[in-house]
Amino acid sequence: MRKYGLIGYPLGHSFSKKYFTEKFIAEHINDCSYENYPLKNLDEIQELLGSDKHLAGLNVTIPYKSEVLRFLDSIEAEAAEIGAINVIKIKRLAGKITLHGYNSDVTGIRDSLLPFMKDKVRNALVLGTGGSSRAVCHVLKKFGLNVDLVSRERKPGVLQYSDIDSNIISRTQLIINTTPLGMFPDTEGKPDINYGYLNNTHILFDLVYNPELTAFLKMGAERGCSTISGIRMLFSQAEKSWEIWNNDSM
């Protein structure tokens, strides 16, 4: 029995276990299972790896996408450039365990945005500066967009939410929430921007997928914005994870 799972904390918001469990049933994959592993401290990963010899791969979510790098034996070039991973392939050879890191968020973000990438989309605001934000910025720059980061804290080269005025919003076509604001169970949460500045020229993308329609996306939809749910990204990055775990050349 091959086992896979998700590490992060907390994990009450996650759909990964449901997604993979349903995938295994639908595709008659009878020798695999997927579990949640909520780790309050990332150092617990070593005990987890040693406790089950059938564990073959992990997904990584908030808040460990960057911190987990210190445990890896190798990391793919694109994930290294981003500085964050969300997929670990576990290899066991002659009693030795090695961990290999990848970033399938890039695939999910790219697939979600591609239908909306038209000539008029030139400027983007990325809300948040964590591991998911780094993957988003990587993809946006590959698309050739100008990117401004937004944080609650004052950082060099990064806007604060109080800096976002009507001029910034009017010159921006794409706004992406990479923070956990609005995630279940705090579904009323949303980034602190003035939603009154939004109109039908804007595209809102929320990486939060539980709920599928977040407060951030609702506010945008009410003002005529195009919206992209994080559920699209979830499906795409999950399938990329499965490919990584089952590709012997990776």
C-alpha atoms as a PDB file:
ATOM      1  CA  MET A   1       0.000   0.000   0.000  1.00  0.00           C
ATOM      2  CA  ARG A   2       1.476   3.345  -1.094  1.00  0.00           C
ATOM      3  CA  LYS A   3       0.595   6.249   1.157  1.00  0.00           C
ATOM      4  CA  TYR A   4       0.496   9.966   0.400  1.00  0.00           C
ATOM      5  CA  GLY A   5      -0.582  12.917   2.477  1.00  0.00           C
ATOM      6  CA  LEU A   6      -0.631  16.591   3.299  1.00  0.00           C
ATOM      7  CA  ILE A   7       1.461  18.419   5.899  1.00  0.00           C
ATOM      8  CA  GLY A   8       0.720  21.892   7.247  1.00  0.00           C
ATOM      9  CA  TYR A   9      -1.136  23.454  10.153  1.00  0.00           C
ATOM     10  CA  PRO A  10      -4.048  23.683  10.555  1.00  0.00           C
ATOM     11  CA  LEU A  11      -5.561  21.404   7.934  1.00  0.00           C
ATOM     12  CA  GLY A  12      -9.283  21.805   8.519  1.00  0.00           C
ATOM     13  CA  HIS A  13      -9.549  23.845   5.302  1.00  0.00           C
ATOM     14  CA  SER A  14      -7.971  21.251   3.030  1.00  0.00           C
ATOM     15  CA  PHE A  15      -9.715  19.419   0.176  1.00  0.00           C
ATOM     16  CA  SER A  16      -6.669  17.343  -0.776  1.00  0.00           C
ATOM     17  CA  LYS A  17      -7.666  14.205   1.127  1.00  0.00           C
ATOM     18  CA  LYS A  18     -11.162  14.317  -0.379  1.00  0.00           C
ATOM     19  CA  TYR A  19      -9.776  14.925  -3.870  1.00  0.00           C
ATOM     20  CA  PHE A  20      -7.301  12.059  -3.836  1.00  0.00           C
ATOM     21  CA  THR A  21      -9.634   9.637  -2.056  1.00  0.00           C
ATOM     22  CA  GLU A  22     -12.264  10.236  -4.735  1.00  0.00           C
ATOM     23  CA  LYS A  23      -9.631   9.970  -7.468  1.00  0.00           C
ATOM     24  CA  PHE A  24      -8.463   6.583  -6.179  1.00  0.00           C
ATOM     25  CA  ILE A  25     -12.045   5.276  -6.138  1.00  0.00           C
ATOM     26  CA  ALA A  26     -12.969   6.675  -9.565  1.00  0.00           C
ATOM     27  CA  GLU A  27      -9.797   5.392 -11.233  1.00  0.00           C
ATOM     28  CA  HIS A  28      -9.797   2.033  -9.408  1.00  0.00           C
ATOM     29  CA  ILE A  29      -6.446   2.739  -7.757  1.00  0.00           C
ATOM     30  CA  ASN A  30      -6.706   0.221  -4.945  1.00  0.00           C
ATOM     31  CA  ASP A  31      -3.160   0.247  -3.592  1.00  0.00           C
ATOM     32  CA  CYS A  32      -3.004   3.921  -2.481  1.00  0.00           C
ATOM     33  CA  SER A  33      -4.338   6.068   0.328  1.00  0.00           C
ATOM     34  CA  TYR A  34      -4.076   9.762   1.255  1.00  0.00           C
ATOM     35  CA  GLU A  35      -4.125  11.238   4.768  1.00  0.00           C
ATOM     36  CA  ASN A  36      -3.833  14.614   6.484  1.00  0.00           C
ATOM     37  CA  TYR A  37      -0.824  15.100   8.767  1.00  0.00           C
ATOM     38  CA  PRO A  38      -1.280  18.299  10.788  1.00  0.00           C
ATOM     39  CA  LEU A  39       2.165  19.208  12.141  1.00  0.00           C
ATOM     40  CA  LYS A  40       2.244  21.917  14.783  1.00  0.00           C
ATOM     41  CA  ASN A  41       6.022  22.020  14.387  1.00  0.00           C
ATOM     42  CA  LEU A  42       7.740  21.140  11.128  1.00  0.00           C
ATOM     43  CA  ASP A  43      10.452  19.200  12.961  1.00  0.00           C
ATOM     44  CA  GLU A  44       7.766  16.532  13.442  1.00  0.00           C
ATOM     45  CA  ILE A  45       8.247  15.615   9.771  1.00  0.00           C
ATOM     46  CA  GLN A  46      11.233  13.437  10.691  1.00  0.00           C
ATOM     47  CA  GLU A  47       9.145  11.321  13.061  1.00  0.00           C
ATOM     48  CA  LEU A  48       6.412  11.087  10.412  1.00  0.00           C
ATOM     49  CA  LEU A  49       8.844   9.826   7.768  1.00  0.00           C
ATOM     50  CA  GLY A  50      10.278   7.221  10.089  1.00  0.00           C
ATOM     51  CA  SER A  51       6.931   5.980  11.347  1.00  0.00           C
ATOM     52  CA  ASP A  52       5.565   4.596   8.066  1.00  0.00           C
ATOM     53  CA  LYS A  53       7.739   2.919   5.447  1.00  0.00           C
ATOM     54  CA  HIS A  54       4.862   3.051   2.941  1.00  0.00           C
ATOM     55  CA  LEU A  55       4.764   6.868   2.862  1.00  0.00           C
ATOM     56  CA  ALA A  56       5.804   7.801  -0.698  1.00  0.00           C
ATOM     57  CA  GLY A  57       4.900  11.452  -1.143  1.00  0.00           C
ATOM     58  CA  LEU A  58       3.613  14.568   0.573  1.00  0.00           C
ATOM     59  CA  ASN A  59       1.907  17.792  -0.333  1.00  0.00           C
ATOM     60  CA  VAL A  60       2.920  20.843   1.679  1.00  0.00           C
ATOM     61  CA  THR A  61       0.628  23.743   2.588  1.00  0.00           C
ATOM     62  CA  ILE A  62       0.565  26.795   4.872  1.00  0.00           C
ATOM     63  CA  PRO A  63       2.772  27.643   6.703  1.00  0.00           C
ATOM     64  CA  TYR A  64       5.607  25.301   5.630  1.00  0.00           C
ATOM     65  CA  LYS A  65       6.136  25.820   1.874  1.00  0.00           C
ATOM     66  CA  SER A  66       9.414  27.673   2.409  1.00  0.00           C
ATOM     67  CA  GLU A  67      10.484  26.341   5.812  1.00  0.00           C
ATOM     68  CA  VAL A  68      10.447  22.736   4.567  1.00  0.00           C
ATOM     69  CA  LEU A  69      13.343  23.449   2.164  1.00  0.00           C
ATOM     70  CA  ARG A  70      15.875  22.763   4.933  1.00  0.00           C
ATOM     71  CA  PHE A  71      14.803  19.117   5.061  1.00  0.00           C
ATOM     72  CA  LEU A  72      15.197  18.402   1.346  1.00  0.00           C
ATOM     73  CA  ASP A  73      17.988  16.475  -0.349  1.00  0.00           C
ATOM     74  CA  SER A  74      17.229  18.019  -3.745  1.00  0.00           C
ATOM     75  CA  ILE A  75      14.911  20.616  -5.237  1.00  0.00           C
ATOM     76  CA  GLU A  76      13.884  21.169  -8.851  1.00  0.00           C
ATOM     77  CA  ALA A  77      15.309  24.299 -10.487  1.00  0.00           C
ATOM     78  CA  GLU A  78      12.010  26.171 -10.827  1.00  0.00           C
ATOM     79  CA  ALA A  79      11.051  25.516  -7.196  1.00  0.00           C
ATOM     80  CA  ALA A  80      14.519  26.617  -6.080  1.00  0.00           C
ATOM     81  CA  GLU A  81      14.110  29.851  -8.023  1.00  0.00           C
ATOM     82  CA  ILE A  82      10.784  30.477  -6.301  1.00  0.00           C
ATOM     83  CA  GLY A  83      12.068  29.473  -2.866  1.00  0.00           C
ATOM     84  CA  ALA A  84       9.026  27.380  -2.002  1.00  0.00           C
ATOM     85  CA  ILE A  85       7.746  23.856  -2.650  1.00  0.00           C
ATOM     86  CA  ASN A  86       4.430  22.093  -2.195  1.00  0.00           C
ATOM     87  CA  VAL A  87       5.287  18.543  -3.327  1.00  0.00           C
ATOM     88  CA  ILE A  88       7.764  16.142  -1.744  1.00  0.00           C
ATOM     89  CA  LYS A  89       8.710  12.897  -3.418  1.00  0.00           C
ATOM     90  CA  ILE A  90      10.016  10.374  -0.869  1.00  0.00           C
ATOM     91  CA  LYS A  91      12.612   7.883  -2.064  1.00  0.00           C
ATOM     92  CA  ARG A  92      13.756   4.930   0.024  1.00  0.00           C
ATOM     93  CA  LEU A  93      16.880   3.050  -0.995  1.00  0.00           C
ATOM     94  CA  ALA A  94      18.895   0.596   1.129  1.00  0.00           C
ATOM     95  CA  GLY A  95      17.272   1.905   4.284  1.00  0.00           C
ATOM     96  CA  LYS A  96      18.030   5.555   3.467  1.00  0.00           C
ATOM     97  CA  ILE A  97      15.262   8.123   3.035  1.00  0.00           C
ATOM     98  CA  THR A  98      15.759  11.090   0.685  1.00  0.00           C
ATOM     99  CA  LEU A  99      13.340  13.953   0.058  1.00  0.00           C
ATOM    100  CA  HIS A 100      12.962  15.720  -3.287  1.00  0.00           C
ATOM    101  CA  GLY A 101      11.029  18.980  -3.622  1.00  0.00           C
ATOM    102  CA  TYR A 102       8.853  20.327  -6.436  1.00  0.00           C
ATOM    103  CA  ASN A 103       6.365  23.147  -6.930  1.00  0.00           C
ATOM    104  CA  SER A 104       3.103  22.073  -8.559  1.00  0.00           C
ATOM    105  CA  ASP A 105       1.497  25.389  -7.555  1.00  0.00           C
ATOM    106  CA  VAL A 106       3.197  26.849 -10.617  1.00  0.00           C
ATOM    107  CA  THR A 107       1.270  24.453 -12.863  1.00  0.00           C
ATOM    108  CA  GLY A 108      -2.012  25.194 -11.090  1.00  0.00           C
ATOM    109  CA  ILE A 109      -1.534  28.961 -11.215  1.00  0.00           C
ATOM    110  CA  ARG A 110      -0.513  28.911 -14.869  1.00  0.00           C
ATOM    111  CA  ASP A 111      -3.455  26.711 -15.896  1.00  0.00           C
ATOM    112  CA  SER A 112      -5.921  28.892 -13.959  1.00  0.00           C
ATOM    113  CA  LEU A 113      -4.696  32.183 -15.417  1.00  0.00           C
ATOM    114  CA  LEU A 114      -3.985  31.188 -18.996  1.00  0.00           C
ATOM    115  CA  PRO A 115      -7.574  31.666 -20.316  1.00  0.00           C
ATOM    116  CA  PHE A 116      -7.532  35.242 -18.945  1.00  0.00           C
ATOM    117  CA  MET A 117      -4.124  36.341 -20.206  1.00  0.00           C
ATOM    118  CA  LYS A 118      -5.024  38.790 -22.971  1.00  0.00           C
ATOM    119  CA  ASP A 119      -3.139  41.818 -24.287  1.00  0.00           C
ATOM    120  CA  LYS A 120      -5.028  44.183 -21.983  1.00  0.00           C
ATOM    121  CA  VAL A 121      -3.687  42.410 -18.882  1.00  0.00           C
ATOM    122  CA  ARG A 122      -0.420  44.179 -18.109  1.00  0.00           C
ATOM    123  CA  ASN A 123      -0.340  44.943 -14.376  1.00  0.00           C
ATOM    124  CA  ALA A 124      -1.029  42.774 -11.340  1.00  0.00           C
ATOM    125  CA  LEU A 125      -1.363  43.237  -7.592  1.00  0.00           C
ATOM    126  CA  VAL A 126      -0.366  40.209  -5.527  1.00  0.00           C
ATOM    127  CA  LEU A 127      -1.780  40.280  -2.008  1.00  0.00           C
ATOM    128  CA  GLY A 128       0.563  38.492   0.397  1.00  0.00           C
ATOM    129  CA  THR A 129       4.259  37.644   0.389  1.00  0.00           C
ATOM    130  CA  GLY A 130       4.436  33.979   1.485  1.00  0.00           C
ATOM    131  CA  GLY A 131       5.370  30.814  -0.387  1.00  0.00           C
ATOM    132  CA  SER A 132       2.267  30.834  -2.599  1.00  0.00           C
ATOM    133  CA  SER A 133       2.892  34.480  -3.459  1.00  0.00           C
ATOM    134  CA  ARG A 134       6.352  33.598  -4.715  1.00  0.00           C
ATOM    135  CA  ALA A 135       4.923  30.975  -7.062  1.00  0.00           C
ATOM    136  CA  VAL A 136       2.307  33.453  -8.306  1.00  0.00           C
ATOM    137  CA  CYS A 137       4.912  36.157  -8.978  1.00  0.00           C
ATOM    138  CA  HIS A 138       7.079  33.644 -10.821  1.00  0.00           C
ATOM    139  CA  VAL A 139       4.205  32.758 -13.175  1.00  0.00           C
ATOM    140  CA  LEU A 140       3.115  36.372 -13.680  1.00  0.00           C
ATOM    141  CA  LYS A 141       6.607  37.442 -14.659  1.00  0.00           C
ATOM    142  CA  LYS A 142       6.782  34.546 -17.135  1.00  0.00           C
ATOM    143  CA  PHE A 143       3.578  35.989 -18.627  1.00  0.00           C
ATOM    144  CA  GLY A 144       5.378  39.352 -18.897  1.00  0.00           C
ATOM    145  CA  LEU A 145       3.218  41.208 -16.366  1.00  0.00           C
ATOM    146  CA  ASN A 146       4.311  44.050 -14.107  1.00  0.00           C
ATOM    147  CA  VAL A 147       3.813  42.909 -10.507  1.00  0.00           C
ATOM    148  CA  ASP A 148       3.333  44.858  -7.264  1.00  0.00           C
ATOM    149  CA  LEU A 149       3.392  42.975  -3.963  1.00  0.00           C
ATOM    150  CA  VAL A 150       1.163  43.986  -1.044  1.00  0.00           C
ATOM    151  CA  SER A 151       1.757  43.161   2.624  1.00  0.00           C
ATOM    152  CA  ARG A 152       0.400  44.157   6.015  1.00  0.00           C
ATOM    153  CA  GLU A 153       3.966  44.982   7.023  1.00  0.00           C
ATOM    154  CA  ARG A 154       6.255  47.651   5.633  1.00  0.00           C
ATOM    155  CA  LYS A 155       8.941  45.979   3.513  1.00  0.00           C
ATOM    156  CA  PRO A 156      11.351  47.375   0.924  1.00  0.00           C
ATOM    157  CA  GLY A 157       9.741  47.424  -2.516  1.00  0.00           C
ATOM    158  CA  VAL A 158       6.409  46.161  -1.162  1.00  0.00           C
ATOM    159  CA  LEU A 159       3.171  48.128  -0.846  1.00  0.00           C
ATOM    160  CA  GLN A 160       1.048  48.174   2.285  1.00  0.00           C
ATOM    161  CA  TYR A 161      -2.721  47.854   2.027  1.00  0.00           C
ATOM    162  CA  SER A 162      -3.070  51.513   3.030  1.00  0.00           C
ATOM    163  CA  ASP A 163      -1.068  52.448  -0.089  1.00  0.00           C
ATOM    164  CA  ILE A 164      -3.631  50.978  -2.483  1.00  0.00           C
ATOM    165  CA  ASP A 165      -5.612  53.939  -3.767  1.00  0.00           C
ATOM    166  CA  SER A 166      -7.890  54.450  -6.750  1.00  0.00           C
ATOM    167  CA  ASN A 167      -4.946  55.227  -9.053  1.00  0.00           C
ATOM    168  CA  ILE A 168      -3.246  51.909  -8.287  1.00  0.00           C
ATOM    169  CA  ILE A 169      -6.478  49.974  -8.718  1.00  0.00           C
ATOM    170  CA  SER A 170      -7.354  51.742 -11.979  1.00  0.00           C
ATOM    171  CA  ARG A 171      -4.027  50.861 -13.615  1.00  0.00           C
ATOM    172  CA  THR A 172      -4.235  47.230 -12.398  1.00  0.00           C
ATOM    173  CA  GLN A 173      -6.098  44.551 -14.336  1.00  0.00           C
ATOM    174  CA  LEU A 174      -5.378  41.473 -12.202  1.00  0.00           C
ATOM    175  CA  ILE A 175      -5.572  41.166  -8.390  1.00  0.00           C
ATOM    176  CA  ILE A 176      -4.572  37.888  -6.738  1.00  0.00           C
ATOM    177  CA  ASN A 177      -5.152  36.923  -3.109  1.00  0.00           C
ATOM    178  CA  THR A 178      -2.423  34.568  -1.876  1.00  0.00           C
ATOM    179  CA  THR A 179      -3.255  35.017   1.823  1.00  0.00           C
ATOM    180  CA  PRO A 180      -5.477  32.643   3.853  1.00  0.00           C
ATOM    181  CA  LEU A 181      -8.036  35.414   4.418  1.00  0.00           C
ATOM    182  CA  GLY A 182     -11.529  34.069   3.746  1.00  0.00           C
ATOM    183  CA  MET A 183     -10.569  30.446   4.285  1.00  0.00           C
ATOM    184  CA  PHE A 184     -12.985  28.185   6.160  1.00  0.00           C
ATOM    185  CA  PRO A 185     -14.040  28.605   8.947  1.00  0.00           C
ATOM    186  CA  ASP A 186     -13.416  32.386   8.805  1.00  0.00           C
ATOM    187  CA  THR A 187     -15.298  32.759   5.540  1.00  0.00           C
ATOM    188  CA  GLU A 188     -16.170  36.437   6.020  1.00  0.00           C
ATOM    189  CA  GLY A 189     -12.512  37.468   5.965  1.00  0.00           C
ATOM    190  CA  LYS A 190     -11.110  39.259   2.917  1.00  0.00           C
ATOM    191  CA  PRO A 191      -8.109  41.409   2.000  1.00  0.00           C
ATOM    192  CA  ASP A 192      -8.333  45.028   3.150  1.00  0.00           C
ATOM    193  CA  ILE A 193      -8.710  46.863  -0.152  1.00  0.00           C
ATOM    194  CA  ASN A 194     -11.363  49.341  -1.266  1.00  0.00           C
ATOM    195  CA  TYR A 195     -13.690  47.155  -3.333  1.00  0.00           C
ATOM    196  CA  GLY A 196     -15.576  50.241  -4.482  1.00  0.00           C
ATOM    197  CA  TYR A 197     -12.701  50.943  -6.894  1.00  0.00           C
ATOM    198  CA  LEU A 198     -13.300  47.679  -8.781  1.00  0.00           C
ATOM    199  CA  ASN A 199     -15.212  47.368 -12.049  1.00  0.00           C
ATOM    200  CA  ASN A 200     -15.670  45.067 -15.036  1.00  0.00           C
ATOM    201  CA  THR A 201     -12.107  45.676 -16.252  1.00  0.00           C
ATOM    202  CA  HIS A 202     -10.673  43.757 -13.291  1.00  0.00           C
ATOM    203  CA  ILE A 203      -9.902  40.060 -12.834  1.00  0.00           C
ATOM    204  CA  LEU A 204      -9.827  38.639  -9.285  1.00  0.00           C
ATOM    205  CA  PHE A 205      -8.095  35.336  -8.546  1.00  0.00           C
ATOM    206  CA  ASP A 206      -8.265  33.802  -5.054  1.00  0.00           C
ATOM    207  CA  LEU A 207      -5.949  30.920  -4.157  1.00  0.00           C
ATOM    208  CA  VAL A 208      -8.306  30.057  -1.293  1.00  0.00           C
ATOM    209  CA  TYR A 209     -10.571  27.207  -2.457  1.00  0.00           C
ATOM    210  CA  ASN A 210     -12.643  26.521   0.651  1.00  0.00           C
ATOM    211  CA  PRO A 211     -15.180  28.047   0.190  1.00  0.00           C
ATOM    212  CA  GLU A 212     -15.091  27.965  -3.599  1.00  0.00           C
ATOM    213  CA  LEU A 213     -16.654  31.448  -3.742  1.00  0.00           C
ATOM    214  CA  THR A 214     -14.830  33.537  -1.150  1.00  0.00           C
ATOM    215  CA  ALA A 215     -15.849  36.935   0.240  1.00  0.00           C
ATOM    216  CA  PHE A 216     -13.046  38.450  -1.890  1.00  0.00           C
ATOM    217  CA  LEU A 217     -14.492  36.964  -5.088  1.00  0.00           C
ATOM    218  CA  LYS A 218     -18.075  37.836  -4.098  1.00  0.00           C
ATOM    219  CA  MET A 219     -17.160  41.494  -3.668  1.00  0.00           C
ATOM    220  CA  GLY A 220     -15.517  41.498  -7.070  1.00  0.00           C
ATOM    221  CA  ALA A 221     -18.403  39.703  -8.798  1.00  0.00           C
ATOM    222  CA  GLU A 222     -20.871  42.238  -7.393  1.00  0.00           C
ATOM    223  CA  ARG A 223     -18.867  44.944  -9.175  1.00  0.00           C
ATOM    224  CA  GLY A 224     -18.670  43.139 -12.501  1.00  0.00           C
ATOM    225  CA  CYS A 225     -15.174  41.665 -12.141  1.00  0.00           C
ATOM    226  CA  SER A 226     -14.149  38.400 -13.745  1.00  0.00           C
ATOM    227  CA  THR A 227     -13.355  35.890 -10.990  1.00  0.00           C
ATOM    228  CA  ILE A 228     -11.177  32.791 -10.748  1.00  0.00           C
ATOM    229  CA  SER A 229     -11.711  30.354  -7.889  1.00  0.00           C
ATOM    230  CA  GLY A 230      -8.806  28.549  -6.262  1.00  0.00           C
ATOM    231  CA  ILE A 231     -10.584  25.248  -6.948  1.00  0.00           C
ATOM    232  CA  ARG A 232      -9.251  25.348 -10.513  1.00  0.00           C
ATOM    233  CA  MET A 233      -5.735  25.584  -9.188  1.00  0.00           C
ATOM    234  CA  LEU A 234      -6.348  22.782  -6.681  1.00  0.00           C
ATOM    235  CA  PHE A 235      -7.349  20.278  -9.354  1.00  0.00           C
ATOM    236  CA  SER A 236      -4.446  21.171 -11.631  1.00  0.00           C
ATOM    237  CA  GLN A 237      -1.732  21.132  -8.967  1.00  0.00           C
ATOM    238  CA  ALA A 238      -3.103  17.914  -7.452  1.00  0.00           C
ATOM    239  CA  GLU A 239      -2.801  16.111 -10.784  1.00  0.00           C
ATOM    240  CA  LYS A 240       0.726  17.493 -11.202  1.00  0.00           C
ATOM    241  CA  SER A 241       1.577  16.129  -7.740  1.00  0.00           C
ATOM    242  CA  TRP A 242       0.336  12.697  -8.783  1.00  0.00           C
ATOM    243  CA  GLU A 243       2.473  12.860 -11.932  1.00  0.00           C
ATOM    244  CA  ILE A 244       5.572  13.745  -9.891  1.00  0.00           C
ATOM    245  CA  TRP A 245       5.040  10.931  -7.401  1.00  0.00           C
ATOM    246  CA  ASN A 246       4.576   8.349 -10.144  1.00  0.00           C
ATOM    247  CA  ASN A 247       7.199   9.444 -12.666  1.00  0.00           C
ATOM    248  CA  ASP A 248      10.350   7.398 -12.094  1.00  0.00           C
ATOM    249  CA  SER A 249      12.451   9.927 -14.009  1.00  0.00           C
ATOM    250  CA  MET A 250      11.684  12.713 -11.517  1.00  0.00           C
END
